[in-house]
Amino acid sequence: MDTISAIKTRILHLCAERGITINRLATISALPPSSVKNILYGRSTDPKISTIKKLCDGLDMTLGDFFNSPEFDNLEPEIR
């Protein structure tokens, strides 16, 4: 799994876990829905950490909580 796929999977999992839609996540994170959808649909290939931080704020979690997940433990190396 690559980094963007792991981020996408984590966002979708967190939304499902909390029973919220992508649009609701965007609203509570003070982000335009297009920003979240661009990450999920692969149009954003390198999301800013500040965007992920806003998502975390909306989800009432830390960046550490967000990245403390099996999706990130098994990433393929980006540099070879």
PDB file of N, CA and C in Angstrom:
ATOM      1  N   MET A   1       0.855  -1.172   0.000  1.00  0.00           N
ATOM      2  CA  MET A   1       0.000   0.000   0.000  1.00  0.00           C
ATOM      3  C   MET A   1       0.901   1.235   0.000  1.00  0.00           C
ATOM      4  N   ASP A   2       0.511   2.238  -0.772  1.00  0.00           N
ATOM      5  CA  ASP A   2       1.270   3.489  -0.779  1.00  0.00           C
ATOM      6  C   ASP A   2       0.658   4.478   0.221  1.00  0.00           C
ATOM      7  N   THR A   3       1.339   5.577   0.443  1.00  0.00           N
ATOM      8  CA  THR A   3       0.939   6.535   1.474  1.00  0.00           C
ATOM      9  C   THR A   3      -0.438   7.125   1.219  1.00  0.00           C
ATOM     10  N   ILE A   4      -0.704   7.565  -0.002  1.00  0.00           N
ATOM     11  CA  ILE A   4      -2.003   8.192  -0.290  1.00  0.00           C
ATOM     12  C   ILE A   4      -3.145   7.181  -0.126  1.00  0.00           C
ATOM     13  N   SER A   5      -2.900   5.937  -0.497  1.00  0.00           N
ATOM     14  CA  SER A   5      -3.921   4.892  -0.297  1.00  0.00           C
ATOM     15  C   SER A   5      -4.173   4.659   1.188  1.00  0.00           C
ATOM     16  N   ALA A   6      -3.115   4.712   1.983  1.00  0.00           N
ATOM     17  CA  ALA A   6      -3.262   4.526   3.425  1.00  0.00           C
ATOM     18  C   ALA A   6      -4.064   5.679   4.031  1.00  0.00           C
ATOM     19  N   ILE A   7      -3.806   6.907   3.588  1.00  0.00           N
ATOM     20  CA  ILE A   7      -4.543   8.065   4.082  1.00  0.00           C
ATOM     21  C   ILE A   7      -6.017   7.940   3.708  1.00  0.00           C
ATOM     22  N   LYS A   8      -6.259   7.586   2.452  1.00  0.00           N
ATOM     23  CA  LYS A   8      -7.634   7.417   1.974  1.00  0.00           C
ATOM     24  C   LYS A   8      -8.365   6.340   2.791  1.00  0.00           C
ATOM     25  N   THR A   9      -7.729   5.205   2.969  1.00  0.00           N
ATOM     26  CA  THR A   9      -8.329   4.112   3.724  1.00  0.00           C
ATOM     27  C   THR A   9      -8.626   4.528   5.156  1.00  0.00           C
ATOM     28  N   ARG A  10      -7.687   5.255   5.751  1.00  0.00           N
ATOM     29  CA  ARG A  10      -7.861   5.701   7.139  1.00  0.00           C
ATOM     30  C   ARG A  10      -9.035   6.671   7.260  1.00  0.00           C
ATOM     31  N   ILE A  11      -9.145   7.618   6.340  1.00  0.00           N
ATOM     32  CA  ILE A  11     -10.252   8.573   6.367  1.00  0.00           C
ATOM     33  C   ILE A  11     -11.590   7.843   6.229  1.00  0.00           C
ATOM     34  N   LEU A  12     -11.673   6.948   5.263  1.00  0.00           N
ATOM     35  CA  LEU A  12     -12.922   6.205   5.059  1.00  0.00           C
ATOM     36  C   LEU A  12     -13.288   5.363   6.279  1.00  0.00           C
ATOM     37  N   HIS A  13     -12.280   4.740   6.877  1.00  0.00           N
ATOM     38  CA  HIS A  13     -12.512   3.918   8.072  1.00  0.00           C
ATOM     39  C   HIS A  13     -13.021   4.779   9.224  1.00  0.00           C
ATOM     40  N   LEU A  14     -12.404   5.928   9.433  1.00  0.00           N
ATOM     41  CA  LEU A  14     -12.810   6.809  10.523  1.00  0.00           C
ATOM     42  C   LEU A  14     -14.228   7.346  10.320  1.00  0.00           C
ATOM     43  N   CYS A  15     -14.572   7.671   9.078  1.00  0.00           N
ATOM     44  CA  CYS A  15     -15.939   8.128   8.791  1.00  0.00           C
ATOM     45  C   CYS A  15     -16.952   7.015   9.070  1.00  0.00           C
ATOM     46  N   ALA A  16     -16.641   5.815   8.625  1.00  0.00           N
ATOM     47  CA  ALA A  16     -17.541   4.679   8.858  1.00  0.00           C
ATOM     48  C   ALA A  16     -17.678   4.404  10.353  1.00  0.00           C
ATOM     49  N   GLU A  17     -16.567   4.444  11.053  1.00  0.00           N
ATOM     50  CA  GLU A  17     -16.549   4.198  12.497  1.00  0.00           C
ATOM     51  C   GLU A  17     -17.421   5.203  13.252  1.00  0.00           C
ATOM     52  N   ARG A  18     -17.430   6.439  12.781  1.00  0.00           N
ATOM     53  CA  ARG A  18     -18.179   7.499  13.447  1.00  0.00           C
ATOM     54  C   ARG A  18     -19.565   7.731  12.842  1.00  0.00           C
ATOM     55  N   GLY A  19     -19.859   7.038  11.761  1.00  0.00           N
ATOM     56  CA  GLY A  19     -21.161   7.169  11.122  1.00  0.00           C
ATOM     57  C   GLY A  19     -21.381   8.526  10.488  1.00  0.00           C
ATOM     58  N   ILE A  20     -20.321   9.088   9.891  1.00  0.00           N
ATOM     59  CA  ILE A  20     -20.452  10.397   9.245  1.00  0.00           C
ATOM     60  C   ILE A  20     -20.101  10.292   7.765  1.00  0.00           C
ATOM     61  N   THR A  21     -20.643  11.206   6.997  1.00  0.00           N
ATOM     62  CA  THR A  21     -20.360  11.246   5.561  1.00  0.00           C
ATOM     63  C   THR A  21     -19.097  12.068   5.320  1.00  0.00           C
ATOM     64  N   ILE A  22     -18.601  11.984   4.107  1.00  0.00           N
ATOM     65  CA  ILE A  22     -17.446  12.775   3.703  1.00  0.00           C
ATOM     66  C   ILE A  22     -17.784  14.268   3.786  1.00  0.00           C
ATOM     67  N   ASN A  23     -18.979  14.629   3.364  1.00  0.00           N
ATOM     68  CA  ASN A  23     -19.384  16.034   3.451  1.00  0.00           C
ATOM     69  C   ASN A  23     -19.445  16.502   4.898  1.00  0.00           C
ATOM     70  N   ARG A  24     -19.928  15.669   5.793  1.00  0.00           N
ATOM     71  CA  ARG A  24     -19.978  16.026   7.210  1.00  0.00           C
ATOM     72  C   ARG A  24     -18.560  16.174   7.762  1.00  0.00           C
ATOM     73  N   LEU A  25     -17.671  15.269   7.376  1.00  0.00           N
ATOM     74  CA  LEU A  25     -16.277  15.372   7.802  1.00  0.00           C
ATOM     75  C   LEU A  25     -15.688  16.703   7.355  1.00  0.00           C
ATOM     76  N   ALA A  26     -15.930  17.077   6.122  1.00  0.00           N
ATOM     77  CA  ALA A  26     -15.422  18.345   5.607  1.00  0.00           C
ATOM     78  C   ALA A  26     -15.964  19.505   6.429  1.00  0.00           C
ATOM     79  N   THR A  27     -17.250  19.484   6.729  1.00  0.00           N
ATOM     80  CA  THR A  27     -17.879  20.562   7.485  1.00  0.00           C
ATOM     81  C   THR A  27     -17.277  20.691   8.883  1.00  0.00           C
ATOM     82  N   ILE A  28     -17.163  19.592   9.608  1.00  0.00           N
ATOM     83  CA  ILE A  28     -16.646  19.665  10.974  1.00  0.00           C
ATOM     84  C   ILE A  28     -15.149  19.942  11.003  1.00  0.00           C
ATOM     85  N   SER A  29     -14.486  19.772   9.870  1.00  0.00           N
ATOM     86  CA  SER A  29     -13.050  20.024   9.770  1.00  0.00           C
ATOM     87  C   SER A  29     -12.744  21.398   9.172  1.00  0.00           C
ATOM     88  N   ALA A  30     -13.780  22.158   8.858  1.00  0.00           N
ATOM     89  CA  ALA A  30     -13.627  23.487   8.253  1.00  0.00           C
ATOM     90  C   ALA A  30     -12.839  23.426   6.947  1.00  0.00           C
ATOM     91  N   LEU A  31     -13.145  22.408   6.160  1.00  0.00           N
ATOM     92  CA  LEU A  31     -12.519  22.228   4.852  1.00  0.00           C
ATOM     93  C   LEU A  31     -13.600  22.207   3.778  1.00  0.00           C
ATOM     94  N   PRO A  32     -13.270  22.646   2.572  1.00  0.00           N
ATOM     95  CA  PRO A  32     -14.229  22.472   1.488  1.00  0.00           C
ATOM     96  C   PRO A  32     -14.379  20.977   1.181  1.00  0.00           C
ATOM     97  N   PRO A  33     -15.591  20.523   0.906  1.00  0.00           N
ATOM     98  CA  PRO A  33     -15.763  19.107   0.556  1.00  0.00           C
ATOM     99  C   PRO A  33     -14.842  18.663  -0.573  1.00  0.00           C
ATOM    100  N   SER A  34     -14.549  19.554  -1.490  1.00  0.00           N
ATOM    101  CA  SER A  34     -13.676  19.183  -2.612  1.00  0.00           C
ATOM    102  C   SER A  34     -12.270  18.805  -2.133  1.00  0.00           C
ATOM    103  N   SER A  35     -11.798  19.402  -1.055  1.00  0.00           N
ATOM    104  CA  SER A  35     -10.468  19.053  -0.534  1.00  0.00           C
ATOM    105  C   SER A  35     -10.423  17.609  -0.056  1.00  0.00           C
ATOM    106  N   VAL A  36     -11.462  17.204   0.657  1.00  0.00           N
ATOM    107  CA  VAL A  36     -11.519  15.829   1.159  1.00  0.00           C
ATOM    108  C   VAL A  36     -11.727  14.867  -0.008  1.00  0.00           C
ATOM    109  N   LYS A  37     -12.629  15.216  -0.905  1.00  0.00           N
ATOM    110  CA  LYS A  37     -12.908  14.346  -2.046  1.00  0.00           C
ATOM    111  C   LYS A  37     -11.693  14.212  -2.962  1.00  0.00           C
ATOM    112  N   ASN A  38     -10.903  15.265  -3.099  1.00  0.00           N
ATOM    113  CA  ASN A  38      -9.692  15.178  -3.923  1.00  0.00           C
ATOM    114  C   ASN A  38      -8.711  14.159  -3.356  1.00  0.00           C
ATOM    115  N   ILE A  39      -8.630  14.078  -2.033  1.00  0.00           N
ATOM    116  CA  ILE A  39      -7.779  13.056  -1.418  1.00  0.00           C
ATOM    117  C   ILE A  39      -8.354  11.669  -1.702  1.00  0.00           C
ATOM    118  N   LEU A  40      -9.652  11.526  -1.499  1.00  0.00           N
ATOM    119  CA  LEU A  40     -10.283  10.206  -1.637  1.00  0.00           C
ATOM    120  C   LEU A  40     -10.322   9.704  -3.069  1.00  0.00           C
ATOM    121  N   TYR A  41     -10.434  10.605  -4.030  1.00  0.00           N
ATOM    122  CA  TYR A  41     -10.528  10.200  -5.432  1.00  0.00           C
ATOM    123  C   TYR A  41      -9.191  10.243  -6.155  1.00  0.00           C
ATOM    124  N   GLY A  42      -8.104  10.484  -5.410  1.00  0.00           N
ATOM    125  CA  GLY A  42      -6.779  10.414  -5.999  1.00  0.00           C
ATOM    126  C   GLY A  42      -6.330  11.639  -6.768  1.00  0.00           C
ATOM    127  N   ARG A  43      -7.110  12.713  -6.723  1.00  0.00           N
ATOM    128  CA  ARG A  43      -6.689  13.927  -7.429  1.00  0.00           C
ATOM    129  C   ARG A  43      -5.643  14.698  -6.626  1.00  0.00           C
ATOM    130  N   SER A  44      -5.598  14.469  -5.334  1.00  0.00           N
ATOM    131  CA  SER A  44      -4.573  15.064  -4.479  1.00  0.00           C
ATOM    132  C   SER A  44      -3.576  13.957  -4.142  1.00  0.00           C
ATOM    133  N   THR A  45      -2.411  14.012  -4.766  1.00  0.00           N
ATOM    134  CA  THR A  45      -1.446  12.926  -4.595  1.00  0.00           C
ATOM    135  C   THR A  45      -0.457  13.194  -3.472  1.00  0.00           C
ATOM    136  N   ASP A  46      -0.524  14.375  -2.870  1.00  0.00           N
ATOM    137  CA  ASP A  46       0.376  14.712  -1.772  1.00  0.00           C
ATOM    138  C   ASP A  46      -0.320  15.714  -0.845  1.00  0.00           C
ATOM    139  N   PRO A  47      -1.340  15.243  -0.089  1.00  0.00           N
ATOM    140  CA  PRO A  47      -2.094  16.175   0.754  1.00  0.00           C
ATOM    141  C   PRO A  47      -1.193  16.822   1.803  1.00  0.00           C
ATOM    142  N   LYS A  48      -1.458  18.083   2.067  1.00  0.00           N
ATOM    143  CA  LYS A  48      -0.676  18.815   3.062  1.00  0.00           C
ATOM    144  C   LYS A  48      -0.960  18.274   4.453  1.00  0.00           C
ATOM    145  N   ILE A  49       0.060  18.318   5.290  1.00  0.00           N
ATOM    146  CA  ILE A  49      -0.124  17.885   6.670  1.00  0.00           C
ATOM    147  C   ILE A  49      -1.124  18.791   7.378  1.00  0.00           C
ATOM    148  N   SER A  50      -1.199  20.058   6.969  1.00  0.00           N
ATOM    149  CA  SER A  50      -2.176  20.967   7.580  1.00  0.00           C
ATOM    150  C   SER A  50      -3.604  20.544   7.257  1.00  0.00           C
ATOM    151  N   THR A  51      -3.823  19.966   6.084  1.00  0.00           N
ATOM    152  CA  THR A  51      -5.152  19.448   5.739  1.00  0.00           C
ATOM    153  C   THR A  51      -5.482  18.241   6.606  1.00  0.00           C
ATOM    154  N   ILE A  52      -4.526  17.344   6.766  1.00  0.00           N
ATOM    155  CA  ILE A  52      -4.753  16.166   7.605  1.00  0.00           C
ATOM    156  C   ILE A  52      -4.971  16.595   9.059  1.00  0.00           C
ATOM    157  N   LYS A  53      -4.248  17.628   9.499  1.00  0.00           N
ATOM    158  CA  LYS A  53      -4.431  18.139  10.865  1.00  0.00           C
ATOM    159  C   LYS A  53      -5.846  18.676  11.055  1.00  0.00           C
ATOM    160  N   LYS A  54      -6.380  19.374  10.060  1.00  0.00           N
ATOM    161  CA  LYS A  54      -7.761  19.863  10.151  1.00  0.00           C
ATOM    162  C   LYS A  54      -8.750  18.706  10.221  1.00  0.00           C
ATOM    163  N   LEU A  55      -8.497  17.658   9.452  1.00  0.00           N
ATOM    164  CA  LEU A  55      -9.354  16.474   9.531  1.00  0.00           C
ATOM    165  C   LEU A  55      -9.303  15.890  10.938  1.00  0.00           C
ATOM    166  N   CYS A  56      -8.101  15.810  11.490  1.00  0.00           N
ATOM    167  CA  CYS A  56      -7.949  15.292  12.851  1.00  0.00           C
ATOM    168  C   CYS A  56      -8.688  16.168  13.855  1.00  0.00           C
ATOM    169  N   ASP A  57      -8.578  17.486  13.702  1.00  0.00           N
ATOM    170  CA  ASP A  57      -9.285  18.393  14.600  1.00  0.00           C
ATOM    171  C   ASP A  57     -10.792  18.153  14.527  1.00  0.00           C
ATOM    172  N   GLY A  58     -11.306  17.995  13.323  1.00  0.00           N
ATOM    173  CA  GLY A  58     -12.732  17.729  13.143  1.00  0.00           C
ATOM    174  C   GLY A  58     -13.155  16.405  13.755  1.00  0.00           C
ATOM    175  N   LEU A  59     -12.260  15.445  13.733  1.00  0.00           N
ATOM    176  CA  LEU A  59     -12.546  14.120  14.284  1.00  0.00           C
ATOM    177  C   LEU A  59     -12.176  14.025  15.766  1.00  0.00           C
ATOM    178  N   ASP A  60     -11.677  15.135  16.321  1.00  0.00           N
ATOM    179  CA  ASP A  60     -11.280  15.194  17.728  1.00  0.00           C
ATOM    180  C   ASP A  60     -10.228  14.138  18.052  1.00  0.00           C
ATOM    181  N   MET A  61      -9.173  14.145  17.220  1.00  0.00           N
ATOM    182  CA  MET A  61      -8.073  13.215  17.437  1.00  0.00           C
ATOM    183  C   MET A  61      -6.761  13.912  17.100  1.00  0.00           C
ATOM    184  N   THR A  62      -5.676  13.342  17.552  1.00  0.00           N
ATOM    185  CA  THR A  62      -4.370  13.912  17.257  1.00  0.00           C
ATOM    186  C   THR A  62      -3.829  13.324  15.958  1.00  0.00           C
ATOM    187  N   LEU A  63      -2.813  13.982  15.429  1.00  0.00           N
ATOM    188  CA  LEU A  63      -2.128  13.420  14.258  1.00  0.00           C
ATOM    189  C   LEU A  63      -1.546  12.049  14.603  1.00  0.00           C
ATOM    190  N   GLY A  64      -1.038  11.924  15.834  1.00  0.00           N
ATOM    191  CA  GLY A  64      -0.508  10.630  16.276  1.00  0.00           C
ATOM    192  C   GLY A  64      -1.563   9.548  16.241  1.00  0.00           C
ATOM    193  N   ASP A  65      -2.783   9.884  16.686  1.00  0.00           N
ATOM    194  CA  ASP A  65      -3.887   8.919  16.634  1.00  0.00           C
ATOM    195  C   ASP A  65      -4.203   8.542  15.192  1.00  0.00           C
ATOM    196  N   PHE A  66      -4.208   9.545  14.311  1.00  0.00           N
ATOM    197  CA  PHE A  66      -4.536   9.298  12.907  1.00  0.00           C
ATOM    198  C   PHE A  66      -3.543   8.326  12.288  1.00  0.00           C
ATOM    199  N   PHE A  67      -2.252   8.582  12.529  1.00  0.00           N
ATOM    200  CA  PHE A  67      -1.222   7.760  11.889  1.00  0.00           C
ATOM    201  C   PHE A  67      -0.903   6.480  12.648  1.00  0.00           C
ATOM    202  N   ASN A  68      -1.444   6.316  13.846  1.00  0.00           N
ATOM    203  CA  ASN A  68      -1.235   5.103  14.624  1.00  0.00           C
ATOM    204  C   ASN A  68      -2.259   4.057  14.193  1.00  0.00           C
ATOM    205  N   SER A  69      -1.985   3.470  13.052  1.00  0.00           N
ATOM    206  CA  SER A  69      -2.936   2.563  12.422  1.00  0.00           C
ATOM    207  C   SER A  69      -2.169   1.568  11.553  1.00  0.00           C
ATOM    208  N   PRO A  70      -2.679   0.353  11.421  1.00  0.00           N
ATOM    209  CA  PRO A  70      -1.970  -0.648  10.620  1.00  0.00           C
ATOM    210  C   PRO A  70      -1.702  -0.210   9.174  1.00  0.00           C
ATOM    211  N   GLU A  71      -2.569   0.652   8.628  1.00  0.00           N
ATOM    212  CA  GLU A  71      -2.354   1.122   7.255  1.00  0.00           C
ATOM    213  C   GLU A  71      -0.982   1.775   7.104  1.00  0.00           C
ATOM    214  N   PHE A  72      -0.537   2.449   8.136  1.00  0.00           N
ATOM    215  CA  PHE A  72       0.726   3.175   8.063  1.00  0.00           C
ATOM    216  C   PHE A  72       1.913   2.338   8.518  1.00  0.00           C
ATOM    217  N   ASP A  73       1.653   1.263   9.235  1.00  0.00           N
ATOM    218  CA  ASP A  73       2.731   0.393   9.696  1.00  0.00           C
ATOM    219  C   ASP A  73       3.306  -0.452   8.569  1.00  0.00           C
ATOM    220  N   ASN A  74       2.530  -0.677   7.534  1.00  0.00           N
ATOM    221  CA  ASN A  74       2.941  -1.582   6.455  1.00  0.00           C
ATOM    222  C   ASN A  74       3.150  -0.895   5.116  1.00  0.00           C
ATOM    223  N   LEU A  75       3.505   0.382   5.142  1.00  0.00           N
ATOM    224  CA  LEU A  75       3.693   1.114   3.880  1.00  0.00           C
ATOM    225  C   LEU A  75       4.922   0.631   3.125  1.00  0.00           C
ATOM    226  N   GLU A  76       4.786   0.656   1.824  1.00  0.00           N
ATOM    227  CA  GLU A  76       5.934   0.375   0.965  1.00  0.00           C
ATOM    228  C   GLU A  76       6.897   1.548   1.030  1.00  0.00           C
ATOM    229  N   PRO A  77       8.192   1.310   0.922  1.00  0.00           N
ATOM    230  CA  PRO A  77       9.149   2.423   0.902  1.00  0.00           C
ATOM    231  C   PRO A  77       8.883   3.347  -0.277  1.00  0.00           C
ATOM    232  N   GLU A  78       8.967   4.654  -0.045  1.00  0.00           N
ATOM    233  CA  GLU A  78       8.769   5.639  -1.102  1.00  0.00           C
ATOM    234  C   GLU A  78      10.047   5.833  -1.914  1.00  0.00           C
ATOM    235  N   ILE A  79      11.195   5.616  -1.270  1.00  0.00           N
ATOM    236  CA  ILE A  79      12.486   5.793  -1.940  1.00  0.00           C
ATOM    237  C   ILE A  79      13.146   4.431  -2.084  1.00  0.00           C
ATOM    238  N   ARG A  80      13.621   4.178  -3.253  1.00  0.00           N
ATOM    239  CA  ARG A  80      14.275   2.874  -3.505  1.00  0.00           C
ATOM    240  C   ARG A  80      15.659   3.074  -4.028  1.00  0.00           C
TER     241      ARG A  80
END
